[in-house]
Amino acid sequence: IVTLDKVQPLPDGSVVKVEFENPAGGDPLLLER
C-alpha cells in the first residue's frame, strides 16, 4: 500500500500508473488509478 497526498491540482482525466516489484520474481505488478 502506497499513499500520496495531492498538493497541487491535476488536470481532469489524469491517472497514476504504478509498477510494484514482484517479490516472487518475474514481471512487475501493474496498477492504474
All heavy atoms as atom14 arrays in JSON, in Angstrom:
{
  "sequence": "IVTLDKVQPLPDGSVVKVEFENPAGGDPLLLER",
  "atom14_mask": [
    [1, 1, 1, 1, 1, 1, 1, 1, 0, 0, 0, 0, 0, 0],
    [1, 1, 1, 1, 1, 1, 1, 0, 0, 0, 0, 0, 0, 0],
    [1, 1, 1, 1, 1, 1, 1, 0, 0, 0, 0, 0, 0, 0],
    [1, 1, 1, 1, 1, 1, 1, 1, 0, 0, 0, 0, 0, 0],
    [1, 1, 1, 1, 1, 1, 1, 1, 0, 0, 0, 0, 0, 0],
    [1, 1, 1, 1, 1, 1, 1, 1, 1, 0, 0, 0, 0, 0],
    [1, 1, 1, 1, 1, 1, 1, 0, 0, 0, 0, 0, 0, 0],
    [1, 1, 1, 1, 1, 1, 1, 1, 1, 0, 0, 0, 0, 0],
    [1, 1, 1, 1, 1, 1, 1, 0, 0, 0, 0, 0, 0, 0],
    [1, 1, 1, 1, 1, 1, 1, 1, 0, 0, 0, 0, 0, 0],
    [1, 1, 1, 1, 1, 1, 1, 0, 0, 0, 0, 0, 0, 0],
    [1, 1, 1, 1, 1, 1, 1, 1, 0, 0, 0, 0, 0, 0],
    [1, 1, 1, 1, 0, 0, 0, 0, 0, 0, 0, 0, 0, 0],
    [1, 1, 1, 1, 1, 1, 0, 0, 0, 0, 0, 0, 0, 0],
    [1, 1, 1, 1, 1, 1, 1, 0, 0, 0, 0, 0, 0, 0],
    [1, 1, 1, 1, 1, 1, 1, 0, 0, 0, 0, 0, 0, 0],
    [1, 1, 1, 1, 1, 1, 1, 1, 1, 0, 0, 0, 0, 0],
    [1, 1, 1, 1, 1, 1, 1, 0, 0, 0, 0, 0, 0, 0],
    [1, 1, 1, 1, 1, 1, 1, 1, 1, 0, 0, 0, 0, 0],
    [1, 1, 1, 1, 1, 1, 1, 1, 1, 1, 1, 0, 0, 0],
    [1, 1, 1, 1, 1, 1, 1, 1, 1, 0, 0, 0, 0, 0],
    [1, 1, 1, 1, 1, 1, 1, 1, 0, 0, 0, 0, 0, 0],
    [1, 1, 1, 1, 1, 1, 1, 0, 0, 0, 0, 0, 0, 0],
    [1, 1, 1, 1, 1, 0, 0, 0, 0, 0, 0, 0, 0, 0],
    [1, 1, 1, 1, 0, 0, 0, 0, 0, 0, 0, 0, 0, 0],
    [1, 1, 1, 1, 0, 0, 0, 0, 0, 0, 0, 0, 0, 0],
    [1, 1, 1, 1, 1, 1, 1, 1, 0, 0, 0, 0, 0, 0],
    [1, 1, 1, 1, 1, 1, 1, 0, 0, 0, 0, 0, 0, 0],
    [1, 1, 1, 1, 1, 1, 1, 1, 0, 0, 0, 0, 0, 0],
    [1, 1, 1, 1, 1, 1, 1, 1, 0, 0, 0, 0, 0, 0],
    [1, 1, 1, 1, 1, 1, 1, 1, 0, 0, 0, 0, 0, 0],
    [1, 1, 1, 1, 1, 1, 1, 1, 1, 0, 0, 0, 0, 0],
    [1, 1, 1, 1, 1, 1, 1, 1, 1, 1, 1, 0, 0, 0]
  ],
  "atom14_positions": [
    [[0.86, -1.18, 0.0], [0.0, 0.0, 0.0], [0.9, 1.22, 0.0], [1.82, 1.34, 0.81], [-0.97, 0.03, 1.19], [-1.99, -1.08, 1.06], [-1.67, 1.4, 1.28], [-3.13, -1.05, 2.02], [0.0, 0.0, 0.0], [0.0, 0.0, 0.0], [0.0, 0.0, 0.0], [0.0, 0.0, 0.0], [0.0, 0.0, 0.0], [0.0, 0.0, 0.0]],
    [[0.65, 2.12, -0.95], [1.38, 3.38, -1.06], [0.34, 4.49, -1.07], [-0.67, 4.39, -1.77], [2.23, 3.43, -2.36], [2.9, 4.78, -2.52], [3.26, 2.32, -2.36], [0.0, 0.0, 0.0], [0.0, 0.0, 0.0], [0.0, 0.0, 0.0], [0.0, 0.0, 0.0], [0.0, 0.0, 0.0], [0.0, 0.0, 0.0], [0.0, 0.0, 0.0]],
    [[0.57, 5.54, -0.26], [-0.36, 6.67, -0.25], [0.34, 7.94, -0.71], [1.51, 8.17, -0.42], [-0.96, 6.9, 1.16], [0.1, 7.12, 2.1], [-1.8, 5.73, 1.6], [0.0, 0.0, 0.0], [0.0, 0.0, 0.0], [0.0, 0.0, 0.0], [0.0, 0.0, 0.0], [0.0, 0.0, 0.0], [0.0, 0.0, 0.0], [0.0, 0.0, 0.0]],
    [[-0.41, 8.74, -1.46], [0.06, 10.01, -1.98], [-0.96, 11.08, -1.63], [-2.17, 10.84, -1.74], [0.2, 9.95, -3.51], [1.05, 8.83, -4.08], [0.8, 8.69, -5.58], [2.51, 9.09, -3.82], [0.0, 0.0, 0.0], [0.0, 0.0, 0.0], [0.0, 0.0, 0.0], [0.0, 0.0, 0.0], [0.0, 0.0, 0.0], [0.0, 0.0, 0.0]],
    [[-0.52, 12.24, -1.19], [-1.42, 13.36, -0.96], [-1.32, 14.33, -2.12], [-0.22, 14.59, -2.63], [-1.07, 14.1, 0.34], [-1.6, 13.4, 1.57], [-2.34, 12.41, 1.43], [-1.25, 13.83, 2.69], [0.0, 0.0, 0.0], [0.0, 0.0, 0.0], [0.0, 0.0, 0.0], [0.0, 0.0, 0.0], [0.0, 0.0, 0.0], [0.0, 0.0, 0.0]],
    [[-2.47, 14.87, -2.53], [-2.47, 15.85, -3.62], [-2.12, 17.21, -3.02], [-2.78, 17.69, -2.12], [-3.85, 15.9, -4.28], [-3.84, 16.69, -5.58], [-5.21, 16.93, -6.18], [-5.99, 15.7, -6.47], [-7.29, 15.99, -7.08], [0.0, 0.0, 0.0], [0.0, 0.0, 0.0], [0.0, 0.0, 0.0], [0.0, 0.0, 0.0], [0.0, 0.0, 0.0]],
    [[-1.04, 17.81, -3.52], [-0.61, 19.11, -3.05], [-0.82, 20.2, -4.1], [-0.72, 21.39, -3.78], [0.87, 19.09, -2.57], [1.01, 18.24, -1.32], [1.81, 18.6, -3.65], [0.0, 0.0, 0.0], [0.0, 0.0, 0.0], [0.0, 0.0, 0.0], [0.0, 0.0, 0.0], [0.0, 0.0, 0.0], [0.0, 0.0, 0.0], [0.0, 0.0, 0.0]],
    [[-1.07, 19.8, -5.33], [-1.36, 20.72, -6.42], [-2.5, 20.12, -7.24], [-2.62, 18.9, -7.33], [-0.14, 20.91, -7.34], [1.03, 21.61, -6.69], [0.75, 23.06, -6.4], [0.1, 23.74, -7.18], [1.24, 23.53, -5.26], [0.0, 0.0, 0.0], [0.0, 0.0, 0.0], [0.0, 0.0, 0.0], [0.0, 0.0, 0.0], [0.0, 0.0, 0.0]],
    [[-3.34, 20.95, -7.84], [-4.41, 20.4, -8.68], [-3.84, 19.66, -9.89], [-2.77, 19.99, -10.38], [-5.21, 21.62, -9.11], [-4.49, 22.82, -8.64], [-3.36, 22.41, -7.77], [0.0, 0.0, 0.0], [0.0, 0.0, 0.0], [0.0, 0.0, 0.0], [0.0, 0.0, 0.0], [0.0, 0.0, 0.0], [0.0, 0.0, 0.0], [0.0, 0.0, 0.0]],
    [[-4.58, 18.66, -10.32], [-4.22, 17.89, -11.52], [-5.31, 18.08, -12.56], [-6.49, 18.22, -12.2], [-4.12, 16.4, -11.18], [-2.86, 15.96, -10.46], [-3.02, 14.54, -9.93], [-1.67, 16.01, -11.4], [0.0, 0.0, 0.0], [0.0, 0.0, 0.0], [0.0, 0.0, 0.0], [0.0, 0.0, 0.0], [0.0, 0.0, 0.0], [0.0, 0.0, 0.0]],
    [[-4.97, 18.07, -13.82], [-5.99, 18.19, -14.87], [-6.97, 17.01, -14.8], [-6.59, 15.89, -14.46], [-5.2, 18.16, -16.18], [-3.77, 18.31, -15.81], [-3.62, 17.97, -14.37], [0.0, 0.0, 0.0], [0.0, 0.0, 0.0], [0.0, 0.0, 0.0], [0.0, 0.0, 0.0], [0.0, 0.0, 0.0], [0.0, 0.0, 0.0], [0.0, 0.0, 0.0]],
    [[-8.24, 17.28, -15.13], [-9.23, 16.21, -15.2], [-8.77, 15.15, -16.18], [-8.25, 15.46, -17.25], [-10.59, 16.75, -15.67], [-11.39, 17.37, -14.52], [-11.04, 17.11, -13.36], [-12.36, 18.09, -14.81], [0.0, 0.0, 0.0], [0.0, 0.0, 0.0], [0.0, 0.0, 0.0], [0.0, 0.0, 0.0], [0.0, 0.0, 0.0], [0.0, 0.0, 0.0]],
    [[-8.95, 13.89, -15.8], [-8.54, 12.79, -16.66], [-7.13, 12.3, -16.38], [-6.65, 11.41, -17.09], [0.0, 0.0, 0.0], [0.0, 0.0, 0.0], [0.0, 0.0, 0.0], [0.0, 0.0, 0.0], [0.0, 0.0, 0.0], [0.0, 0.0, 0.0], [0.0, 0.0, 0.0], [0.0, 0.0, 0.0], [0.0, 0.0, 0.0], [0.0, 0.0, 0.0]],
    [[-6.47, 12.83, -15.37], [-5.12, 12.36, -15.02], [-5.21, 10.99, -14.37], [-6.19, 10.65, -13.71], [-4.45, 13.34, -14.05], [-4.24, 14.59, -14.66], [0.0, 0.0, 0.0], [0.0, 0.0, 0.0], [0.0, 0.0, 0.0], [0.0, 0.0, 0.0], [0.0, 0.0, 0.0], [0.0, 0.0, 0.0], [0.0, 0.0, 0.0], [0.0, 0.0, 0.0]],
    [[-4.15, 10.21, -14.55], [-4.08, 8.88, -13.95], [-2.72, 8.69, -13.28], [-1.75, 9.37, -13.61], [-4.31, 7.75, -14.98], [-5.7, 7.78, -15.55], [-3.27, 7.79, -16.07], [0.0, 0.0, 0.0], [0.0, 0.0, 0.0], [0.0, 0.0, 0.0], [0.0, 0.0, 0.0], [0.0, 0.0, 0.0], [0.0, 0.0, 0.0], [0.0, 0.0, 0.0]],
    [[-2.7, 7.75, -12.35], [-1.46, 7.35, -11.7], [-1.2, 5.91, -12.13], [-2.06, 5.05, -11.98], [-1.57, 7.45, -10.17], [-0.32, 6.93, -9.49], [-1.84, 8.88, -9.74], [0.0, 0.0, 0.0], [0.0, 0.0, 0.0], [0.0, 0.0, 0.0], [0.0, 0.0, 0.0], [0.0, 0.0, 0.0], [0.0, 0.0, 0.0], [0.0, 0.0, 0.0]],
    [[-0.01, 5.68, -12.68], [0.39, 4.33, -13.09], [1.52, 3.88, -12.16], [2.46, 4.63, -11.92], [0.86, 4.31, -14.54], [-0.25, 4.6, -15.53], [0.24, 4.49, -16.95], [-0.91, 4.75, -17.92], [-0.48, 4.55, -19.31], [0.0, 0.0, 0.0], [0.0, 0.0, 0.0], [0.0, 0.0, 0.0], [0.0, 0.0, 0.0], [0.0, 0.0, 0.0]],
    [[1.39, 2.65, -11.67], [2.35, 2.14, -10.69], [2.91, 0.8, -11.15], [2.18, -0.03, -11.68], [1.68, 1.94, -9.31], [2.71, 1.62, -8.25], [0.87, 3.15, -8.91], [0.0, 0.0, 0.0], [0.0, 0.0, 0.0], [0.0, 0.0, 0.0], [0.0, 0.0, 0.0], [0.0, 0.0, 0.0], [0.0, 0.0, 0.0], [0.0, 0.0, 0.0]],
    [[4.2, 0.62, -10.93], [4.86, -0.67, -11.13], [5.42, -1.09, -9.78], [6.31, -0.44, -9.23], [6.01, -0.56, -12.13], [5.58, -0.39, -13.55], [6.75, -0.44, -14.52], [7.9, -0.75, -14.1], [6.52, -0.16, -15.7], [0.0, 0.0, 0.0], [0.0, 0.0, 0.0], [0.0, 0.0, 0.0], [0.0, 0.0, 0.0], [0.0, 0.0, 0.0]],
    [[4.87, -2.19, -9.23], [5.35, -2.76, -7.98], [6.3, -3.91, -8.32], [5.96, -4.77, -9.13], [4.19, -3.34, -7.16], [3.16, -2.34, -6.71], [1.98, -2.17, -7.41], [3.36, -1.6, -5.55], [1.02, -1.28, -6.99], [2.4, -0.7, -5.12], [1.22, -0.53, -5.83], [0.0, 0.0, 0.0], [0.0, 0.0, 0.0], [0.0, 0.0, 0.0]],
    [[7.46, -3.93, -7.7], [8.37, -5.06, -7.89], [7.66, -6.33, -7.39], [7.04, -6.33, -6.33], [9.66, -4.86, -7.11], [10.65, -5.97, -7.27], [11.95, -5.74, -6.51], [12.19, -4.64, -6.0], [12.72, -6.71, -6.42], [0.0, 0.0, 0.0], [0.0, 0.0, 0.0], [0.0, 0.0, 0.0], [0.0, 0.0, 0.0], [0.0, 0.0, 0.0]],
    [[7.74, -7.38, -8.16], [7.09, -8.64, -7.8], [8.03, -9.43, -6.89], [9.07, -9.9, -7.35], [6.75, -9.44, -9.05], [5.92, -10.64, -8.76], [5.82, -11.1, -7.63], [5.31, -11.19, -9.81], [0.0, 0.0, 0.0], [0.0, 0.0, 0.0], [0.0, 0.0, 0.0], [0.0, 0.0, 0.0], [0.0, 0.0, 0.0], [0.0, 0.0, 0.0]],
    [[7.7, -9.57, -5.58], [8.59, -10.31, -4.68], [8.82, -11.76, -5.11], [9.84, -12.35, -4.78], [7.87, -10.25, -3.34], [6.99, -9.06, -3.43], [6.57, -8.99, -4.87], [0.0, 0.0, 0.0], [0.0, 0.0, 0.0], [0.0, 0.0, 0.0], [0.0, 0.0, 0.0], [0.0, 0.0, 0.0], [0.0, 0.0, 0.0], [0.0, 0.0, 0.0]],
    [[7.89, -12.33, -5.86], [8.04, -13.71, -6.34], [8.9, -13.78, -7.59], [9.17, -14.86, -8.11], [6.67, -14.33, -6.61], [0.0, 0.0, 0.0], [0.0, 0.0, 0.0], [0.0, 0.0, 0.0], [0.0, 0.0, 0.0], [0.0, 0.0, 0.0], [0.0, 0.0, 0.0], [0.0, 0.0, 0.0], [0.0, 0.0, 0.0], [0.0, 0.0, 0.0]],
    [[9.32, -12.63, -8.11], [10.12, -12.57, -9.33], [9.23, -12.37, -10.54], [8.01, -12.33, -10.45], [0.0, 0.0, 0.0], [0.0, 0.0, 0.0], [0.0, 0.0, 0.0], [0.0, 0.0, 0.0], [0.0, 0.0, 0.0], [0.0, 0.0, 0.0], [0.0, 0.0, 0.0], [0.0, 0.0, 0.0], [0.0, 0.0, 0.0], [0.0, 0.0, 0.0]],
    [[9.84, -12.2, -11.68], [9.08, -12.01, -12.91], [8.72, -10.56, -13.15], [9.32, -9.64, -12.59], [0.0, 0.0, 0.0], [0.0, 0.0, 0.0], [0.0, 0.0, 0.0], [0.0, 0.0, 0.0], [0.0, 0.0, 0.0], [0.0, 0.0, 0.0], [0.0, 0.0, 0.0], [0.0, 0.0, 0.0], [0.0, 0.0, 0.0], [0.0, 0.0, 0.0]],
    [[7.73, -10.36, -14.0], [7.31, -9.02, -14.39], [6.76, -8.24, -13.21], [6.16, -8.83, -12.29], [6.22, -9.1, -15.47], [6.75, -9.67, -16.78], [7.97, -9.56, -17.02], [5.94, -10.23, -17.55], [0.0, 0.0, 0.0], [0.0, 0.0, 0.0], [0.0, 0.0, 0.0], [0.0, 0.0, 0.0], [0.0, 0.0, 0.0], [0.0, 0.0, 0.0]],
    [[6.92, -6.91, -13.23], [6.34, -6.11, -12.15], [4.81, -6.19, -12.18], [4.21, -6.48, -13.21], [6.82, -4.68, -12.45], [7.48, -4.71, -13.77], [7.63, -6.12, -14.22], [0.0, 0.0, 0.0], [0.0, 0.0, 0.0], [0.0, 0.0, 0.0], [0.0, 0.0, 0.0], [0.0, 0.0, 0.0], [0.0, 0.0, 0.0], [0.0, 0.0, 0.0]],
    [[4.23, -5.92, -11.04], [2.77, -5.89, -10.92], [2.32, -4.48, -11.28], [2.87, -3.5, -10.75], [2.35, -6.26, -9.5], [2.9, -7.59, -9.01], [2.73, -7.74, -7.52], [2.24, -8.73, -9.75], [0.0, 0.0, 0.0], [0.0, 0.0, 0.0], [0.0, 0.0, 0.0], [0.0, 0.0, 0.0], [0.0, 0.0, 0.0], [0.0, 0.0, 0.0]],
    [[1.35, -4.35, -12.16], [0.94, -3.05, -12.67], [-0.41, -2.64, -12.1], [-1.29, -3.49, -11.88], [0.86, -3.08, -14.2], [2.13, -3.53, -14.92], [1.9, -3.62, -16.41], [3.29, -2.61, -14.59], [0.0, 0.0, 0.0], [0.0, 0.0, 0.0], [0.0, 0.0, 0.0], [0.0, 0.0, 0.0], [0.0, 0.0, 0.0], [0.0, 0.0, 0.0]],
    [[-0.56, -1.34, -11.88], [-1.81, -0.79, -11.37], [-2.0, 0.58, -12.0], [-1.03, 1.33, -12.18], [-1.74, -0.65, -9.85], [-2.92, -0.02, -9.15], [-4.12, -0.95, -9.17], [-2.55, 0.32, -7.71], [0.0, 0.0, 0.0], [0.0, 0.0, 0.0], [0.0, 0.0, 0.0], [0.0, 0.0, 0.0], [0.0, 0.0, 0.0], [0.0, 0.0, 0.0]],
    [[-3.22, 0.92, -12.35], [-3.54, 2.25, -12.87], [-4.78, 2.76, -12.16], [-5.77, 2.04, -12.04], [-3.8, 2.18, -14.38], [-4.02, 3.54, -15.01], [-4.11, 3.48, -16.51], [-3.31, 2.76, -17.15], [-4.99, 4.16, -17.06], [0.0, 0.0, 0.0], [0.0, 0.0, 0.0], [0.0, 0.0, 0.0], [0.0, 0.0, 0.0], [0.0, 0.0, 0.0]],
    [[-4.71, 4.0, -11.65], [-5.83, 4.61, -10.94], [-6.09, 6.01, -11.49], [-5.15, 6.79, -11.68], [-5.53, 4.76, -9.44], [-5.53, 3.5, -8.67], [-6.95, 3.08, -8.34], [-6.95, 1.89, -7.55], [-7.15, 0.67, -8.02], [-7.35, 0.48, -9.28], [-7.14, -0.37, -7.22], [0.0, 0.0, 0.0], [0.0, 0.0, 0.0], [0.0, 0.0, 0.0]]
  ]
}
